[in-house]
C-alpha atoms as a PDB file:
ATOM      1  CA  MET A   1     -18.980   0.525  32.525  1.00  0.00           C
ATOM      2  CA  LEU A   2     -15.454   0.366  34.046  1.00  0.00           C
ATOM      3  CA  ASN A   3     -15.224  -1.448  37.409  1.00  0.00           C
ATOM      4  CA  PHE A   4     -12.260  -0.177  39.363  1.00  0.00           C
ATOM      5  CA  SER A   5     -13.459  -1.501  42.673  1.00  0.00           C
ATOM      6  CA  GLY A   6     -11.616  -4.772  42.508  1.00  0.00           C
ATOM      7  CA  LEU A   7      -8.273  -3.130  41.667  1.00  0.00           C
ATOM      8  CA  ALA A   8      -8.967  -0.516  44.377  1.00  0.00           C
ATOM      9  CA  ILE A   9      -9.326  -2.973  46.966  1.00  0.00           C
ATOM     10  CA  TYR A  10      -6.320  -4.867  45.892  1.00  0.00           C
ATOM     11  CA  CYS A  11      -4.249  -1.651  46.003  1.00  0.00           C
ATOM     12  CA  VAL A  12      -5.617  -0.803  49.545  1.00  0.00           C
ATOM     13  CA  PHE A  13      -4.810  -4.287  50.531  1.00  0.00           C
ATOM     14  CA  LEU A  14      -1.369  -4.066  49.383  1.00  0.00           C
ATOM     15  CA  SER A  15      -0.854  -0.583  50.711  1.00  0.00           C
ATOM     16  CA  PHE A  16      -1.806  -1.716  54.359  1.00  0.00           C
ATOM     17  CA  SER A  17      -0.193  -5.106  54.316  1.00  0.00           C
ATOM     18  CA  GLU A  18       2.921  -5.096  56.186  1.00  0.00           C
ATOM     19  CA  GLN A  19       3.956  -8.653  55.141  1.00  0.00           C
ATOM     20  CA  GLN A  20       4.455  -9.279  51.506  1.00  0.00           C
ATOM     21  CA  THR A  21       5.025 -12.810  50.660  1.00  0.00           C
ATOM     22  CA  SER A  22       6.373 -13.991  47.286  1.00  0.00           C
ATOM     23  CA  ARG A  23       2.882 -14.544  46.115  1.00  0.00           C
ATOM     24  CA  THR A  24       1.748 -10.883  46.318  1.00  0.00           C
ATOM     25  CA  ILE A  25       2.551  -8.545  43.457  1.00  0.00           C
ATOM     26  CA  ALA A  26       4.004  -5.103  44.640  1.00  0.00           C
ATOM     27  CA  ILE A  27       2.147  -2.340  42.731  1.00  0.00           C
ATOM     28  CA  PRO A  28       4.142   0.850  42.628  1.00  0.00           C
ATOM     29  CA  LEU A  29       2.956   3.608  45.059  1.00  0.00           C
ATOM     30  CA  LYS A  30       2.163   6.085  42.205  1.00  0.00           C
ATOM     31  CA  LEU A  31      -0.243   3.597  40.564  1.00  0.00           C
ATOM     32  CA  GLN A  32      -1.864   2.988  43.789  1.00  0.00           C
ATOM     33  CA  ALA A  33      -2.263   6.735  44.393  1.00  0.00           C
ATOM     34  CA  PHE A  34      -3.517   7.193  40.849  1.00  0.00           C
ATOM     35  CA  VAL A  35      -6.239   4.476  41.295  1.00  0.00           C
ATOM     36  CA  LEU A  36      -7.403   5.908  44.779  1.00  0.00           C
ATOM     37  CA  ASN A  37      -7.537   9.281  43.379  1.00  0.00           C
ATOM     38  CA  LEU A  38      -9.550   8.092  40.238  1.00  0.00           C
ATOM     39  CA  LEU A  39     -12.098   6.342  42.609  1.00  0.00           C
ATOM     40  CA  SER A  40     -12.341   9.260  44.937  1.00  0.00           C
ATOM     41  CA  LEU A  41     -13.463  11.482  42.018  1.00  0.00           C
ATOM     42  CA  MET A  42     -16.370   9.052  41.292  1.00  0.00           C
ATOM     43  CA  ILE A  43     -16.776  10.368  37.655  1.00  0.00           C
ATOM     44  CA  PRO A  44     -20.398   9.603  36.626  1.00  0.00           C
ATOM     45  CA  LYS A  45     -20.857   7.094  33.791  1.00  0.00           C
ATOM     46  CA  GLN A  46     -22.443   9.550  31.415  1.00  0.00           C
ATOM     47  CA  ASN A  47     -19.549  11.965  31.713  1.00  0.00           C
ATOM     48  CA  LEU A  48     -17.094   9.076  31.442  1.00  0.00           C
ATOM     49  CA  LEU A  49     -18.901   7.804  28.199  1.00  0.00           C
ATOM     50  CA  ALA A  50     -18.926  11.226  26.758  1.00  0.00           C
ATOM     51  CA  LEU A  51     -15.059  11.560  27.421  1.00  0.00           C
ATOM     52  CA  LEU A  52     -14.411   8.150  25.805  1.00  0.00           C
ATOM     53  CA  VAL A  53     -16.494   9.023  22.778  1.00  0.00           C
ATOM     54  CA  PHE A  54     -14.825  12.434  22.327  1.00  0.00           C
ATOM     55  CA  ALA A  55     -11.373  10.882  22.780  1.00  0.00           C
ATOM     56  CA  SER A  56     -12.078   8.107  20.184  1.00  0.00           C
ATOM     57  CA  ILE A  57     -13.510  10.656  17.689  1.00  0.00           C
ATOM     58  CA  SER A  58     -10.500  12.837  18.133  1.00  0.00           C
ATOM     59  CA  ALA A  59      -8.199  10.056  17.606  1.00  0.00           C
ATOM     60  CA  VAL A  60      -9.897   8.971  14.436  1.00  0.00           C
ATOM     61  CA  SER A  61      -9.895  12.685  13.135  1.00  0.00           C
ATOM     62  CA  PHE A  62      -6.310  12.967  13.704  1.00  0.00           C
ATOM     63  CA  SER A  63      -5.366   9.804  12.127  1.00  0.00           C
ATOM     64  CA  GLN A  64      -7.181  10.727   8.882  1.00  0.00           C
ATOM     65  CA  THR A  65      -5.636  14.326   8.496  1.00  0.00           C
ATOM     66  CA  SER A  66      -2.348  13.142   7.041  1.00  0.00           C
ATOM     67  CA  THR A  67      -0.577  15.099   4.372  1.00  0.00           C
ATOM     68  CA  HIS A  68      -0.796  13.878   0.777  1.00  0.00           C
ATOM     69  CA  LYS A  69       2.357  12.317  -0.385  1.00  0.00           C
ATOM     70  CA  THR A  70       3.292  12.025  -4.029  1.00  0.00           C
ATOM     71  CA  ASP A  71       3.582   8.611  -5.497  1.00  0.00           C
ATOM     72  CA  VAL A  72       6.628   8.786  -7.665  1.00  0.00           C
ATOM     73  CA  ASN A  73       5.623   5.571  -9.511  1.00  0.00           C
ATOM     74  CA  LYS A  74       2.287   7.200 -10.746  1.00  0.00           C
ATOM     75  CA  ASP A  75       3.638  10.597 -11.397  1.00  0.00           C
ATOM     76  CA  ILE A  76       6.556   9.585 -13.723  1.00  0.00           C
ATOM     77  CA  ASP A  77       5.897   7.880 -17.109  1.00  0.00           C
ATOM     78  CA  VAL A  78       8.284   4.988 -16.985  1.00  0.00           C
ATOM     79  CA  VAL A  79       8.045   4.357 -20.731  1.00  0.00           C
ATOM     80  CA  ARG A  80       9.288   7.813 -21.483  1.00  0.00           C
ATOM     81  CA  VAL A  81      12.221   7.293 -19.178  1.00  0.00           C
ATOM     82  CA  TYR A  82      13.027   4.078 -20.734  1.00  0.00           C
ATOM     83  CA  GLU A  83      12.865   5.426 -24.214  1.00  0.00           C
ATOM     84  CA  GLN A  84      15.168   8.249 -23.165  1.00  0.00           C
ATOM     85  CA  VAL A  85      17.514   5.827 -21.801  1.00  0.00           C
ATOM     86  CA  VAL A  86      17.499   3.833 -25.189  1.00  0.00           C
ATOM     87  CA  VAL A  87      17.963   7.168 -27.166  1.00  0.00           C
ATOM     88  CA  GLU A  88      21.036   7.949 -25.072  1.00  0.00           C
ATOM     89  CA  GLY A  89      22.563   4.532 -26.107  1.00  0.00           C
ATOM     90  CA  TYR A  90      22.114   2.565 -22.960  1.00  0.00           C
ATOM     91  CA  GLY A  91      19.346   0.172 -24.248  1.00  0.00           C
ATOM     92  CA  THR A  92      19.659  -3.510 -22.774  1.00  0.00           C
ATOM     93  CA  PRO A  93      17.257  -6.262 -23.327  1.00  0.00           C
ATOM     94  CA  PHE A  94      15.839  -5.650 -19.878  1.00  0.00           C
ATOM     95  CA  ILE A  95      14.593  -2.183 -20.962  1.00  0.00           C
ATOM     96  CA  TYR A  96      13.438  -3.390 -24.339  1.00  0.00           C
ATOM     97  CA  LYS A  97      11.327  -6.086 -22.591  1.00  0.00           C
ATOM     98  CA  LYS A  98       9.859  -3.462 -20.100  1.00  0.00           C
ATOM     99  CA  LEU A  99       9.105  -1.273 -23.090  1.00  0.00           C
ATOM    100  CA  ALA A 100       7.513  -3.988 -25.106  1.00  0.00           C
ATOM    101  CA  THR A 101       5.224  -5.240 -22.429  1.00  0.00           C
ATOM    102  CA  ALA A 102       4.387  -1.593 -21.439  1.00  0.00           C
ATOM    103  CA  TYR A 103       3.282  -0.974 -25.031  1.00  0.00           C
ATOM    104  CA  TYR A 104       1.414  -4.309 -25.064  1.00  0.00           C
ATOM    105  CA  PHE A 105      -0.738  -3.503 -22.028  1.00  0.00           C
ATOM    106  CA  LYS A 106      -1.434   0.044 -23.267  1.00  0.00           C
ATOM    107  CA  ASN A 107      -2.824  -1.581 -26.525  1.00  0.00           C
ATOM    108  CA  GLU A 108      -0.148   0.204 -28.587  1.00  0.00           C
ATOM    109  CA  TYR A 109       0.689  -2.997 -30.535  1.00  0.00           C
ATOM    110  CA  GLY A 110       2.773  -1.325 -33.424  1.00  0.00           C
ATOM    111  CA  LYS A 111       5.209   0.127 -30.834  1.00  0.00           C
ATOM    112  CA  ALA A 112       5.247  -3.054 -28.901  1.00  0.00           C
ATOM    113  CA  LEU A 113       6.111  -5.098 -31.959  1.00  0.00           C
ATOM    114  CA  ALA A 114       9.107  -2.846 -32.748  1.00  0.00           C
ATOM    115  CA  TRP A 115      10.400  -3.450 -29.039  1.00  0.00           C
ATOM    116  CA  PHE A 116       9.741  -7.162 -29.183  1.00  0.00           C
ATOM    117  CA  GLN A 117      11.744  -7.467 -32.361  1.00  0.00           C
ATOM    118  CA  LYS A 118      14.544  -5.426 -30.827  1.00  0.00           C
ATOM    119  CA  LEU A 119      14.484  -7.631 -27.665  1.00  0.00           C
ATOM    120  CA  PHE A 120      14.444 -10.917 -29.839  1.00  0.00           C
ATOM    121  CA  ALA A 121      17.385  -9.737 -31.917  1.00  0.00           C
ATOM    122  CA  GLU A 122      19.360  -9.241 -28.701  1.00  0.00           C
ATOM    123  CA  GLU A 123      18.628 -12.414 -26.932  1.00  0.00           C
ATOM    124  CA  LYS A 124      16.564 -15.673 -27.428  1.00  0.00           C
ATOM    125  CA  ASN A 125      13.235 -15.723 -25.658  1.00  0.00           C
ATOM    126  CA  THR A 126      12.797 -18.236 -22.832  1.00  0.00           C
ATOM    127  CA  ASP A 127       9.751 -16.786 -21.213  1.00  0.00           C
ATOM    128  CA  PRO A 128       6.398 -18.428 -22.362  1.00  0.00           C
ATOM    129  CA  GLU A 129       4.347 -15.259 -21.034  1.00  0.00           C
ATOM    130  CA  LEU A 130       6.472 -13.006 -23.174  1.00  0.00           C
ATOM    131  CA  ALA A 131       6.145 -15.366 -26.175  1.00  0.00           C
ATOM    132  CA  HIS A 132       2.487 -15.238 -25.788  1.00  0.00           C
ATOM    133  CA  GLN A 133       2.397 -11.432 -25.653  1.00  0.00           C
ATOM    134  CA  TYR A 134       4.585 -11.374 -28.745  1.00  0.00           C
ATOM    135  CA  ASN A 135       2.060 -13.734 -30.482  1.00  0.00           C
ATOM    136  CA  GLN A 136      -0.865 -11.564 -29.584  1.00  0.00           C
ATOM    137  CA  THR A 137       0.840  -8.466 -30.733  1.00  0.00           C
ATOM    138  CA  LEU A 138       1.582 -10.041 -34.162  1.00  0.00           C
ATOM    139  CA  LYS A 139      -2.041 -10.887 -34.269  1.00  0.00           C
ATOM    140  CA  ALA A 140      -3.282  -7.491 -33.408  1.00  0.00           C
ATOM    141  CA  VAL A 141      -0.830  -5.893 -35.954  1.00  0.00           C
ATOM    142  CA  ALA A 142      -2.015  -8.193 -38.659  1.00  0.00           C
ATOM    143  CA  ALA A 143      -5.580  -7.595 -37.953  1.00  0.00           C
ATOM    144  CA  ALA A 144      -4.913  -3.786 -37.769  1.00  0.00           C
ATOM    145  CA  ASN A 145      -3.233  -4.012 -41.142  1.00  0.00           C
ATOM    146  CA  SER A 146      -5.932  -6.090 -42.883  1.00  0.00           C
ATOM    147  CA  THR A 147      -8.632  -3.680 -41.465  1.00  0.00           C
ATOM    148  CA  ALA A 148      -6.679  -0.674 -42.758  1.00  0.00           C
ATOM    149  CA  SER A 149      -6.345  -2.363 -46.135  1.00  0.00           C
ATOM    150  CA  LEU A 150     -10.105  -3.157 -46.275  1.00  0.00           C
ATOM    151  CA  LYS A 151     -10.835   0.513 -45.490  1.00  0.00           C
ATOM    152  CA  THR A 152      -8.636   1.768 -48.261  1.00  0.00           C
ATOM    153  CA  SER A 153     -10.108  -0.612 -50.851  1.00  0.00           C
ATOM    154  CA  PHE A 154     -13.730   0.391 -49.603  1.00  0.00           C
ATOM    155  CA  LEU A 155     -12.972   3.925 -49.890  1.00  0.00           C
ATOM    156  CA  LYS A 156     -11.599   3.745 -53.353  1.00  0.00           C
END
């Protein structure tokens, strides 16, 4: 499995050679001693394989036992925070845009329409994606109103 014989021979060669030219690499004595001790033990391949398997399983199990961290972005409802900021009087077009798109993607088109109207009252729209969302919101509100009127006329 692991072949230490070449390294061991090289270490022994370096330890017994008295002349070291610029071509040879000096290996520290501690490393030479470690390799020689490792070879003298002559660990059987099955034991070495079992040791490697145990070490890899331990490493994997320790890497997967991390503590659970709370994701702030998932745990805080940003829409409620932005609405509270607007209630306190600090509403900006940036916040209106975030609220409008948030309600648009939650399929709450009535609320999205109100925030789109506040946004467009503050500044002119230059974003084509925002214009598309606003048009889709208008269509959804119109469809909901027509459906509601059909229901009321049907029930009478």
